[in-house]
């Protein structure tokens, strides 16, 4: 998904890719969506980060990392859908999120 993120100083915004982590059942009862930020900065992996191996199949423009930065956003912030992670990448991200959250 592409999401409109407002800068920390609230002086602008930028469209950024995210991975939706929350389920349809979650969305049915809430106006929010739980996401993981995606970055093109693949040269630096921090705890909780997970490289997206098949980034082209996922609809991303360049090599990317699903970060350990988890955030809740309003559904209205979503601009468009890019694609979907292939099963192997999704499984890897799930393992990273579980580790990050201590589950």
C-alpha atoms as a PDB file:
ATOM      1  CA  UNK A   1       0.000   0.000   0.000  1.00  0.00           C
ATOM      2  CA  UNK A   2       1.052   3.581  -0.511  1.00  0.00           C
ATOM      3  CA  UNK A   3       0.309   5.785   2.472  1.00  0.00           C
ATOM      4  CA  UNK A   4       0.436   9.551   2.947  1.00  0.00           C
ATOM      5  CA  UNK A   5       2.720  10.104   5.942  1.00  0.00           C
ATOM      6  CA  UNK A   6       2.846  13.555   7.499  1.00  0.00           C
ATOM      7  CA  UNK A   7       6.364  14.711   8.430  1.00  0.00           C
ATOM      8  CA  UNK A   8       7.171  14.928  12.142  1.00  0.00           C
ATOM      9  CA  UNK A   9       7.162  18.745  11.954  1.00  0.00           C
ATOM     10  CA  UNK A  10       3.751  18.589  10.233  1.00  0.00           C
ATOM     11  CA  UNK A  11       5.065  20.793   7.407  1.00  0.00           C
ATOM     12  CA  UNK A  12       4.379  18.355   4.603  1.00  0.00           C
ATOM     13  CA  UNK A  13       3.809  14.760   3.699  1.00  0.00           C
ATOM     14  CA  UNK A  14       5.291  12.020   1.568  1.00  0.00           C
ATOM     15  CA  UNK A  15       3.818   8.897   0.051  1.00  0.00           C
ATOM     16  CA  UNK A  16       5.563   5.821   1.439  1.00  0.00           C
ATOM     17  CA  UNK A  17       5.026   2.082   0.956  1.00  0.00           C
ATOM     18  CA  UNK A  18       3.820   0.028   3.918  1.00  0.00           C
ATOM     19  CA  UNK A  19       2.891  -3.565   4.597  1.00  0.00           C
ATOM     20  CA  UNK A  20      -0.554  -4.034   6.129  1.00  0.00           C
ATOM     21  CA  UNK A  21      -0.289  -6.398   9.105  1.00  0.00           C
ATOM     22  CA  UNK A  22      -3.824  -6.225  10.473  1.00  0.00           C
ATOM     23  CA  UNK A  23      -6.634  -8.495   9.331  1.00  0.00           C
ATOM     24  CA  UNK A  24      -9.969  -7.866   7.640  1.00  0.00           C
ATOM     25  CA  UNK A  25     -11.677  -8.801  10.928  1.00  0.00           C
ATOM     26  CA  UNK A  26      -9.649  -6.096  12.700  1.00  0.00           C
ATOM     27  CA  UNK A  27     -10.576  -3.547  10.015  1.00  0.00           C
ATOM     28  CA  UNK A  28     -14.279  -4.402  10.302  1.00  0.00           C
ATOM     29  CA  UNK A  29     -14.380  -3.009  13.820  1.00  0.00           C
ATOM     30  CA  UNK A  30     -11.862  -0.171  13.592  1.00  0.00           C
ATOM     31  CA  UNK A  31     -11.002   2.780  11.361  1.00  0.00           C
ATOM     32  CA  UNK A  32      -7.286   2.060  11.826  1.00  0.00           C
ATOM     33  CA  UNK A  33      -4.837  -0.221  10.031  1.00  0.00           C
ATOM     34  CA  UNK A  34      -1.685  -1.711  11.575  1.00  0.00           C
ATOM     35  CA  UNK A  35       1.275  -1.411   9.197  1.00  0.00           C
ATOM     36  CA  UNK A  36       5.012  -1.977   8.978  1.00  0.00           C
ATOM     37  CA  UNK A  37       7.004   0.742   7.236  1.00  0.00           C
ATOM     38  CA  UNK A  38       8.892  -0.273   4.092  1.00  0.00           C
ATOM     39  CA  UNK A  39      12.178   1.368   3.155  1.00  0.00           C
ATOM     40  CA  UNK A  40      14.505   1.261   0.182  1.00  0.00           C
ATOM     41  CA  UNK A  41      17.484   1.581   2.535  1.00  0.00           C
ATOM     42  CA  UNK A  42      18.648  -2.019   2.207  1.00  0.00           C
ATOM     43  CA  UNK A  43      22.227  -1.337   3.310  1.00  0.00           C
ATOM     44  CA  UNK A  44      21.372  -1.111   6.990  1.00  0.00           C
ATOM     45  CA  UNK A  45      19.327  -3.799   8.711  1.00  0.00           C
ATOM     46  CA  UNK A  46      18.219  -2.988  12.236  1.00  0.00           C
ATOM     47  CA  UNK A  47      16.526  -5.299  14.749  1.00  0.00           C
ATOM     48  CA  UNK A  48      13.084  -6.219  13.466  1.00  0.00           C
ATOM     49  CA  UNK A  49      13.920  -5.445   9.822  1.00  0.00           C
ATOM     50  CA  UNK A  50      13.231  -8.080   7.176  1.00  0.00           C
ATOM     51  CA  UNK A  51      14.505  -7.893   3.581  1.00  0.00           C
ATOM     52  CA  UNK A  52      11.837  -8.344   0.908  1.00  0.00           C
ATOM     53  CA  UNK A  53      13.444 -10.900  -1.401  1.00  0.00           C
ATOM     54  CA  UNK A  54      10.851 -10.799  -4.164  1.00  0.00           C
ATOM     55  CA  UNK A  55      10.311  -7.043  -4.129  1.00  0.00           C
ATOM     56  CA  UNK A  56       9.314  -6.856  -7.804  1.00  0.00           C
ATOM     57  CA  UNK A  57       6.537  -9.424  -7.310  1.00  0.00           C
ATOM     58  CA  UNK A  58       5.371  -7.376  -4.325  1.00  0.00           C
ATOM     59  CA  UNK A  59       4.927  -4.327  -6.561  1.00  0.00           C
ATOM     60  CA  UNK A  60       7.813  -2.361  -5.045  1.00  0.00           C
ATOM     61  CA  UNK A  61       9.913  -0.054  -7.219  1.00  0.00           C
ATOM     62  CA  UNK A  62      13.296  -1.102  -5.829  1.00  0.00           C
ATOM     63  CA  UNK A  63      14.936  -3.512  -3.372  1.00  0.00           C
ATOM     64  CA  UNK A  64      13.232  -2.987  -0.030  1.00  0.00           C
ATOM     65  CA  UNK A  65      13.079  -3.893   3.629  1.00  0.00           C
ATOM     66  CA  UNK A  66       9.959  -4.309   5.766  1.00  0.00           C
ATOM     67  CA  UNK A  67      11.082  -2.506   8.896  1.00  0.00           C
ATOM     68  CA  UNK A  68      10.469  -3.179  12.552  1.00  0.00           C
ATOM     69  CA  UNK A  69       8.717   0.201  12.645  1.00  0.00           C
ATOM     70  CA  UNK A  70       5.119  -0.772  13.354  1.00  0.00           C
ATOM     71  CA  UNK A  71       2.450   1.879  13.311  1.00  0.00           C
ATOM     72  CA  UNK A  72      -1.296   2.299  13.464  1.00  0.00           C
ATOM     73  CA  UNK A  73      -2.701   4.642  10.823  1.00  0.00           C
ATOM     74  CA  UNK A  74      -6.163   5.766   9.785  1.00  0.00           C
ATOM     75  CA  UNK A  75      -7.503   3.803   6.831  1.00  0.00           C
ATOM     76  CA  UNK A  76      -8.112   7.052   4.962  1.00  0.00           C
ATOM     77  CA  UNK A  77      -4.334   7.612   4.827  1.00  0.00           C
ATOM     78  CA  UNK A  78      -4.011   4.763   2.306  1.00  0.00           C
ATOM     79  CA  UNK A  79      -3.713   6.096  -1.236  1.00  0.00           C
ATOM     80  CA  UNK A  80      -3.392   2.939  -3.318  1.00  0.00           C
ATOM     81  CA  UNK A  81      -2.453  -0.711  -3.342  1.00  0.00           C
ATOM     82  CA  UNK A  82       0.899  -1.740  -4.812  1.00  0.00           C
ATOM     83  CA  UNK A  83       0.709  -5.512  -4.667  1.00  0.00           C
ATOM     84  CA  UNK A  84       1.156  -8.352  -2.208  1.00  0.00           C
ATOM     85  CA  UNK A  85       4.150 -10.070  -0.681  1.00  0.00           C
ATOM     86  CA  UNK A  86       4.811 -13.577  -1.973  1.00  0.00           C
ATOM     87  CA  UNK A  87       4.235 -16.295   0.641  1.00  0.00           C
ATOM     88  CA  UNK A  88       7.925 -16.803   1.498  1.00  0.00           C
ATOM     89  CA  UNK A  89       8.465 -13.084   2.133  1.00  0.00           C
ATOM     90  CA  UNK A  90       5.269 -12.856   4.154  1.00  0.00           C
ATOM     91  CA  UNK A  91       6.363 -15.777   6.317  1.00  0.00           C
ATOM     92  CA  UNK A  92       9.753 -14.127   6.917  1.00  0.00           C
ATOM     93  CA  UNK A  93       8.116 -10.816   7.879  1.00  0.00           C
ATOM     94  CA  UNK A  94       5.743 -12.647  10.218  1.00  0.00           C
ATOM     95  CA  UNK A  95       8.729 -14.226  11.987  1.00  0.00           C
ATOM     96  CA  UNK A  96      10.440 -10.830  12.296  1.00  0.00           C
ATOM     97  CA  UNK A  97       7.291  -9.232  13.743  1.00  0.00           C
ATOM     98  CA  UNK A  98       6.871 -12.075  16.245  1.00  0.00           C
ATOM     99  CA  UNK A  99      10.472 -11.654  17.369  1.00  0.00           C
ATOM    100  CA  UNK A 100      10.131  -7.875  17.591  1.00  0.00           C
ATOM    101  CA  UNK A 101       7.009  -8.137  19.743  1.00  0.00           C
ATOM    102  CA  UNK A 102       8.286 -11.055  21.811  1.00  0.00           C
ATOM    103  CA  UNK A 103       5.477 -13.394  20.728  1.00  0.00           C
END
